[in-house]
Protein backbone atom coordinates (compact mmCIF):
# COMPACT_ATOMS: atom_id res chain seq x y z
CA MET A 1 0.00 0.00 0.00
CA ASP A 2 1.24 3.46 -0.86
CA LYS A 3 1.73 5.78 2.09
CA ILE A 4 -0.32 8.96 2.22
CA LYS A 5 1.83 11.96 3.02
CA GLU A 6 -0.90 13.73 5.01
CA HIS A 7 -1.07 10.76 7.39
CA GLN A 8 2.58 11.00 8.45
CA PHE A 9 1.81 12.96 11.63
CA TRP A 10 -1.32 11.05 12.70
CA TRP A 11 -1.21 8.47 15.48
CA LEU A 12 -3.80 5.95 16.63
CA GLY A 13 -3.48 5.22 20.33
CA GLU A 14 -4.95 3.61 23.42
CA ASN A 15 -4.67 3.92 27.18
CA LYS A 16 -6.12 0.62 28.40
CA GLN A 17 -5.37 1.39 32.07
CA TRP A 18 -7.60 4.42 32.33
CA TYR A 19 -9.83 4.36 29.24
CA PRO A 20 -10.18 0.72 28.13
CA GLU A 21 -13.17 1.37 25.86
CA TYR A 22 -11.57 4.28 23.99
CA GLU A 23 -9.15 4.90 21.17
CA THR A 24 -7.60 8.21 20.26
CA LEU A 25 -6.41 9.89 17.11
CA ILE A 26 -3.67 12.46 17.58
CA ARG A 27 -2.32 14.85 14.97
CA LEU A 28 1.15 16.04 15.92
CA ASN A 29 1.64 18.81 13.37
CA TYR A 30 -0.01 22.24 13.48
CA PRO A 31 -2.85 22.60 14.16
CA ARG A 32 -2.65 19.72 16.61
CA VAL A 33 -5.80 17.85 17.53
CA TYR A 34 -6.76 15.05 19.90
CA ILE A 35 -9.85 12.94 19.07
CA LYS A 36 -11.12 10.43 21.64
CA TYR A 37 -13.95 8.01 20.88
CA LYS A 38 -15.51 4.80 22.13
CA VAL A 39 -14.56 2.05 19.72
CA GLU A 40 -17.88 0.26 20.13
CA ASP A 41 -19.88 3.39 19.25
CA ALA A 42 -17.69 4.34 16.31
CA TYR A 43 -17.56 0.98 14.57
CA PHE A 44 -20.59 1.45 12.28
CA ALA A 45 -20.88 5.24 12.46
CA THR A 46 -20.94 7.52 9.47
CA PHE A 47 -18.64 10.51 9.28
CA GLU A 48 -21.42 12.83 10.47
CA GLN A 49 -22.50 10.54 13.33
CA PHE A 50 -18.90 10.13 14.43
CA TYR A 51 -18.22 13.84 14.79
CA ARG A 52 -21.67 14.91 16.02
CA ASN A 53 -22.34 12.21 18.61
CA ILE A 54 -19.29 10.08 19.31
CA ALA A 55 -15.94 11.86 19.02
CA ASP A 56 -14.54 14.24 21.61
CA VAL A 57 -12.44 16.66 19.54
CA GLN A 58 -9.91 18.85 21.34
CA TRP A 59 -7.76 21.39 19.51
CA LEU A 60 -4.43 21.46 21.37
CA ASP A 61 -2.95 24.79 20.32
CA GLY A 62 -5.35 27.00 22.28
CA GLU A 63 -7.52 28.03 19.36
CA ARG A 64 -9.75 26.39 16.81
CA PRO A 65 -8.68 26.64 13.20
CA PRO A 66 -11.13 28.20 10.72
CA LYS A 67 -14.20 26.04 9.99
CA ARG A 68 -12.99 24.93 6.55
CA GLU A 69 -9.60 23.85 7.94
CA GLN A 70 -11.33 21.97 10.78
CA GLU A 71 -13.41 20.06 8.24
CA GLU A 72 -10.31 19.21 6.18
CA ILE A 73 -8.44 17.97 9.26
CA LEU A 74 -11.38 15.92 10.55
CA THR A 75 -11.80 14.37 7.09
CA GLU A 76 -8.08 13.57 7.08
CA ALA A 77 -8.50 11.92 10.51
CA TRP A 78 -11.48 9.88 9.28
CA ASN A 79 -9.56 8.67 6.23
CA PHE A 80 -6.49 7.84 8.34
CA LEU A 81 -8.65 5.80 10.73
CA ALA A 82 -10.27 3.89 7.86
CA ILE A 83 -6.88 2.94 6.42
CA GLU A 84 -5.49 1.95 9.82
CA GLU A 85 -8.52 -0.27 10.46
CA ARG A 86 -8.10 -1.91 7.05
CA LEU A 87 -4.41 -2.56 7.74
CA LEU A 88 -5.32 -4.10 11.10
CA GLU A 89 -7.90 -6.36 9.44
CA ASP A 90 -5.29 -7.43 6.88
CA ASP A 91 -2.82 -8.20 9.69
CA MET A 92 -5.44 -10.25 11.53
CA ALA A 93 -6.28 -12.20 8.37
CA ASN A 94 -2.59 -12.97 7.85
CA ILE A 95 -2.18 -14.11 11.45
CA LYS A 96 -5.07 -16.54 11.10
CA ILE A 97 -3.61 -17.94 7.89
CA ASP A 98 -0.13 -18.24 9.44
CA GLU A 99 -1.53 -19.98 12.55
CA TRP A 100 -3.53 -22.39 10.41
CA GLU A 101 -0.47 -23.22 8.30
CA ASP A 102 1.64 -23.75 11.45
CA GLU A 103 -0.96 -26.14 12.89
CA ARG A 104 -1.23 -28.01 9.59
CA VAL A 105 2.57 -28.46 9.35
CA GLU A 106 2.82 -29.60 12.98
CA GLY A 107 0.03 -32.18 12.43
CA GLN A 108 1.73 -33.82 9.42
């Protein structure tokens, strides 16, 4: 998969000790933003549902960017999350295949 330049400064994170049901998206270049959401609520949400009802969006530089820039950044976050989830699903599919092949070889 080709890397998307705009996603270079995005991070997907967790803090299972304090917020086990949540994931966060963090953008580390200006304007920085922190987006926390419950994984369970976000799983089947649309873009609009996610940002209206689920995500807690915090701008970290003390001021909100102009509305148009906010929309661009939140769209970038949404797209980053979709790609990260797809990569995770691909990894999980490969693990299952690898485990099955290991079991099959051991049983021969």
